[in-house]
Every structure is written in C-alpha cells, then in structure tokens.
Amino acid sequence: MNNLLNELNSLKNNLDNLPTINLSDLNLNNTDLFIVDINNGFAKGGALYSPRIESLINPIVKFTKSVSKDIRSIIAFTDYHTKESIELLSYPAHCIEDTIECEIVDELKSIDNIKIVKKNSTNGFFALDNLNFDNTDNIIIIGDCTDICIYQLAITLKSYFNQNNINKHIIVPVNLVDTYNIDNVHPAELLNIVFLNSMIQNGIEVVKEIK
C-alpha cells in the first residue's frame, strides 16, 4: 500500500510541476483547436451530466474566444446517438439525435468559426472526415472526459501520426479538461492523475495551462 501511495504521489507531482505555455509561443495560423463534448448532455443536464464538466464552460469559452480570430480551425465534437447506438449498451441513454443534449452549449454557439462534428462513439477521431493535417503544426484538445473522450482522441491522433511518420504537437492543457466523479465507482481526481500521466508517457504535450 505504501508503494502505491508513493507512486500516486509521484504521478501527482508530475502534474503539479507541468509547464505553462504562452499563446505567443504557438503559431495559431497553424494550430487547430478540438473542443470535446462541451454540450448540454454533459454540461447542463441529462443522465451523464456532471457539475465538474459544467465548470469547464466558462474557462473553455474564454480560451476559445481568445484564439478564435487567429486559430486555423475550431472543431467542436459532440455526442450524437440513435436509440440503437451500440455505445448505449455501456452507458445510460444520452445525447440522442435531434435532442437538446446533442447541441453544444449556447455559450460556445456565440463564437464564430466553430465547426460542429457529431460523433457516435467516445472517440472523435473516427468522426473526422478529413485527416489532412498538412497545414497544421499543433492540435490543442480541451473538454471532457479526461480518461475517456479526451484520452482516446489524443492517443489515437498520436498513434495515427506515429504510424505515418508525421510530426505534430498534440497539446492538452490540464485546466481545460476534466472528468466526472461517482464515489467508489469513477474517482475523478485519481483518473485525471493516471490518464494525464499516461498521455505524457505517450508523447502528448500535457501542460498546466495556455496563457
């Protein structure tokens, strides 16, 4: 048990000592922003609503507005399922097609240049209709959930780039991602620590924040 606690503390220390990067360090003209599942079904209400996700709305909107005029593209992924979607065998019914749950939150709708991409699985990579990243140097991924949709998208993108010998930077700012908490089932703080560290170990640039 002591070894486990020491290992956990070590992983937490990794995150506590992450760097902060400045927007001026990035060429926004060659940067894509991926916003994951900041929709009504996770951030406002529904079977998979979480107050932790709701608390992401304002900082994500603030960040998105700060880059919207200069960044190459903004994609907002949102869950969009039919009642027959296989994913619903694993999760409660959520974000059913043509319901308000599928819509990104109103706070994001007011921002220009956001392209909405509907996804029928936890991994937004498979919903992308264009895998041409020739004019992209950086991909910033924000939203929820750290251990599911964020993790899967970041790792799959990294694996795709590795397979094709494409050198791109995938950046995940800790202050703009989170996951839900269910006591004794889905411990949010622990899962954030484990999955953010796993991203680091797999070549994702995890940072404290982007100022």
Protein backbone atom coordinates (compact mmCIF):
# COMPACT_ATOMS: atom_id res chain seq x y z
CA MET A 1 0.00 0.00 0.00
CA ASN A 2 2.83 2.40 0.82
CA ASN A 3 4.37 1.76 -2.60
CA LEU A 4 1.04 2.51 -4.24
CA LEU A 5 0.68 5.80 -2.37
CA ASN A 6 4.25 6.77 -3.21
CA GLU A 7 3.64 6.05 -6.88
CA LEU A 8 0.43 8.08 -6.82
CA ASN A 9 2.19 11.00 -5.16
CA SER A 10 4.91 10.81 -7.78
CA LEU A 11 2.34 10.94 -10.58
CA LYS A 12 0.59 13.88 -8.91
CA ASN A 13 3.91 15.70 -8.59
CA ASN A 14 4.43 15.28 -12.33
CA LEU A 15 1.24 17.25 -12.92
CA ASP A 16 1.95 19.83 -10.22
CA ASN A 17 5.22 20.67 -11.96
CA LEU A 18 3.95 20.91 -15.51
CA PRO A 19 4.95 23.98 -17.51
CA THR A 20 2.66 26.76 -18.64
CA ILE A 21 2.95 27.81 -22.26
CA ASN A 22 2.06 31.14 -23.83
CA LEU A 23 -0.16 31.64 -26.85
CA SER A 24 2.68 33.69 -28.29
CA ASP A 25 4.76 30.50 -28.37
CA LEU A 26 2.32 28.98 -30.87
CA ASN A 27 1.68 29.90 -34.46
CA LEU A 28 -2.11 29.98 -34.27
CA ASN A 29 -2.37 30.08 -38.04
CA ASN A 30 -1.04 26.51 -37.99
CA THR A 31 -2.99 25.38 -34.92
CA ASP A 32 -6.29 23.51 -34.65
CA LEU A 33 -8.49 23.58 -31.55
CA PHE A 34 -10.55 20.48 -30.75
CA ILE A 35 -13.31 21.03 -28.17
CA VAL A 36 -14.76 17.74 -26.96
CA ASP A 37 -18.32 17.25 -25.67
CA ILE A 38 -18.99 20.63 -24.13
CA ASN A 39 -22.64 20.03 -24.88
CA ASN A 40 -25.92 20.23 -22.99
CA GLY A 41 -25.98 16.49 -22.29
CA PHE A 42 -22.78 16.58 -20.25
CA ALA A 43 -22.50 20.18 -19.10
CA LYS A 44 -26.10 21.25 -18.49
CA GLY A 45 -28.30 18.22 -17.70
CA GLY A 46 -29.16 14.63 -18.52
CA ALA A 47 -28.12 11.16 -17.41
CA LEU A 48 -24.40 11.91 -17.83
CA TYR A 49 -24.42 15.48 -16.56
CA SER A 50 -21.58 16.41 -14.22
CA PRO A 51 -21.04 19.68 -12.33
CA ARG A 52 -17.32 19.20 -12.93
CA ILE A 53 -17.98 19.41 -16.66
CA GLU A 54 -20.30 22.39 -16.25
CA SER A 55 -17.46 24.20 -14.51
CA LEU A 56 -15.40 23.90 -17.69
CA ILE A 57 -17.81 26.01 -19.73
CA ASN A 58 -16.61 29.48 -18.76
CA PRO A 59 -12.84 28.84 -18.96
CA ILE A 60 -13.23 27.00 -22.27
CA VAL A 61 -15.38 29.77 -23.73
CA LYS A 62 -12.88 32.39 -22.55
CA PHE A 63 -9.97 30.49 -24.09
CA THR A 64 -11.80 29.81 -27.33
CA LYS A 65 -12.74 33.47 -27.74
CA SER A 66 -9.12 34.47 -27.14
CA VAL A 67 -7.92 32.38 -30.10
CA SER A 68 -10.93 32.36 -32.41
CA LYS A 69 -9.78 35.15 -34.72
CA ASP A 70 -6.31 33.76 -35.38
CA ILE A 71 -6.50 29.99 -34.99
CA ARG A 72 -6.58 27.84 -38.14
CA SER A 73 -9.72 25.92 -37.21
CA ILE A 74 -12.03 25.11 -34.31
CA ILE A 75 -13.84 21.79 -34.21
CA ALA A 76 -16.42 21.09 -31.51
CA PHE A 77 -17.14 17.37 -31.18
CA THR A 78 -20.47 16.38 -29.71
CA ASP A 79 -22.05 13.01 -28.95
CA TYR A 80 -24.94 12.21 -31.28
CA HIS A 81 -26.59 8.82 -30.91
CA THR A 82 -29.62 6.97 -32.18
CA LYS A 83 -31.60 4.85 -29.75
CA GLU A 84 -29.94 1.84 -31.39
CA SER A 85 -26.37 3.08 -30.89
CA ILE A 86 -24.16 0.30 -29.55
CA GLU A 87 -22.47 2.72 -27.14
CA LEU A 88 -25.73 2.83 -25.17
CA LEU A 89 -25.12 -0.77 -24.13
CA SER A 90 -22.27 0.58 -22.00
CA TYR A 91 -23.63 3.96 -20.92
CA PRO A 92 -27.05 5.36 -19.96
CA ALA A 93 -29.01 6.88 -22.83
CA HIS A 94 -27.58 10.30 -23.62
CA CYS A 95 -27.32 12.81 -26.45
CA ILE A 96 -30.00 11.13 -28.56
CA GLU A 97 -30.27 12.57 -32.07
CA ASP A 98 -32.19 15.79 -32.53
CA THR A 99 -32.45 16.48 -28.80
CA ILE A 100 -31.07 19.49 -26.96
CA GLU A 101 -28.48 17.25 -25.28
CA CYS A 102 -26.62 16.89 -28.59
CA GLU A 103 -26.18 20.63 -29.02
CA ILE A 104 -23.03 22.38 -27.89
CA VAL A 105 -23.70 24.81 -25.06
CA ASP A 106 -25.10 28.21 -26.00
CA GLU A 107 -22.00 29.93 -24.68
CA LEU A 108 -19.96 28.31 -27.45
CA LYS A 109 -22.56 28.88 -30.15
CA SER A 110 -21.90 32.62 -29.98
CA ILE A 111 -18.32 32.14 -31.18
CA ASP A 112 -17.70 32.36 -34.90
CA ASN A 113 -15.87 29.77 -36.97
CA ILE A 114 -16.75 26.69 -34.90
CA LYS A 115 -17.35 23.57 -36.96
CA ILE A 116 -19.54 21.02 -35.18
CA VAL A 117 -18.67 17.36 -35.68
CA LYS A 118 -21.17 14.77 -34.49
CA LYS A 119 -19.74 11.52 -33.14
CA ASN A 120 -21.39 8.19 -32.39
CA SER A 121 -18.62 6.90 -30.14
CA THR A 122 -16.40 8.14 -27.37
CA ASN A 123 -13.54 8.61 -29.84
CA GLY A 124 -13.92 11.69 -32.01
CA PHE A 125 -11.07 10.61 -34.28
CA PHE A 126 -13.41 8.29 -36.18
CA ALA A 127 -15.83 11.14 -36.85
CA LEU A 128 -13.24 13.28 -38.64
CA ASP A 129 -13.95 13.49 -42.35
CA ASN A 130 -10.57 14.98 -43.18
CA LEU A 131 -7.27 13.56 -41.98
CA ASN A 132 -5.17 16.04 -43.93
CA PHE A 133 -3.06 17.87 -41.36
CA ASP A 134 -0.53 19.31 -43.85
CA ASN A 135 -1.14 22.88 -42.70
CA THR A 136 -1.33 22.02 -39.01
CA ASP A 137 1.60 22.07 -36.60
CA ASN A 138 -0.32 21.97 -33.30
CA ILE A 139 -3.57 20.43 -32.12
CA ILE A 140 -4.98 21.65 -28.79
CA ILE A 141 -7.53 19.31 -27.21
CA ILE A 142 -9.87 20.54 -24.46
CA GLY A 143 -13.15 19.41 -22.90
CA ASP A 144 -14.26 16.12 -21.38
CA CYS A 145 -13.76 13.48 -20.25
CA THR A 146 -10.05 13.28 -19.43
CA ASP A 147 -9.99 9.49 -19.17
CA ILE A 148 -12.41 8.67 -21.98
CA CYS A 149 -13.04 11.01 -24.93
CA ILE A 150 -10.02 13.29 -24.41
CA TYR A 151 -7.66 10.38 -23.84
CA GLN A 152 -8.94 8.33 -26.76
CA LEU A 153 -8.81 11.24 -29.21
CA ALA A 154 -5.32 12.33 -28.15
CA ILE A 155 -3.86 8.81 -28.16
CA THR A 156 -5.46 7.83 -31.46
CA LEU A 157 -4.25 11.02 -33.13
CA LYS A 158 -0.75 10.40 -31.78
CA SER A 159 -0.84 6.78 -32.96
CA TYR A 160 -2.02 7.89 -36.41
CA PHE A 161 0.80 10.42 -36.67
CA ASN A 162 3.36 7.88 -35.47
CA GLN A 163 2.17 5.27 -37.95
CA ASN A 164 2.52 7.72 -40.81
CA ASN A 165 5.75 9.38 -39.58
CA ILE A 166 4.01 12.74 -39.20
CA ASN A 167 5.48 15.07 -36.59
CA LYS A 168 2.75 17.14 -34.94
CA HIS A 169 2.34 18.56 -31.44
CA ILE A 170 -0.77 17.46 -29.54
CA ILE A 171 -1.31 19.74 -26.56
CA VAL A 172 -3.67 19.10 -23.63
CA PRO A 173 -3.95 21.90 -21.02
CA VAL A 174 -4.88 20.46 -17.63
CA ASN A 175 -7.02 23.45 -16.63
CA LEU A 176 -9.35 22.90 -19.61
CA VAL A 177 -10.10 19.18 -19.22
CA ASP A 178 -11.89 17.20 -16.54
CA THR A 179 -13.92 14.06 -15.90
CA TYR A 180 -16.99 13.18 -13.88
CA ASN A 181 -16.98 11.75 -10.37
CA ILE A 182 -19.02 8.86 -8.95
CA ASP A 183 -17.97 7.86 -5.45
CA ASN A 184 -16.45 4.37 -5.25
CA VAL A 185 -17.03 3.87 -9.00
CA HIS A 186 -15.35 6.61 -11.02
CA PRO A 187 -12.92 8.65 -8.88
CA ALA A 188 -12.34 11.79 -10.90
CA GLU A 189 -9.20 13.06 -9.19
CA LEU A 190 -7.45 9.68 -9.42
CA LEU A 191 -8.43 9.16 -13.04
CA ASN A 192 -7.26 12.64 -14.01
CA ILE A 193 -3.86 11.89 -12.49
CA VAL A 194 -3.48 8.47 -14.11
CA PHE A 195 -4.71 9.36 -17.60
CA LEU A 196 -2.93 12.72 -17.87
CA ASN A 197 0.30 10.95 -16.93
CA SER A 198 -0.40 8.24 -19.48
CA MET A 199 -0.78 10.91 -22.16
CA ILE A 200 2.58 12.39 -21.15
CA GLN A 201 4.20 8.95 -21.39
CA ASN A 202 2.75 8.54 -24.89
CA GLY A 203 4.16 11.76 -26.26
CA ILE A 204 1.25 14.14 -25.69
CA GLU A 205 2.32 17.60 -24.52
CA VAL A 206 0.34 18.00 -21.31
CA VAL A 207 0.68 21.50 -19.86
CA LYS A 208 -0.67 23.29 -16.83
CA GLU A 209 -2.39 25.92 -18.98
CA ILE A 210 -2.02 28.02 -22.10
CA LYS A 211 -1.97 31.72 -21.30
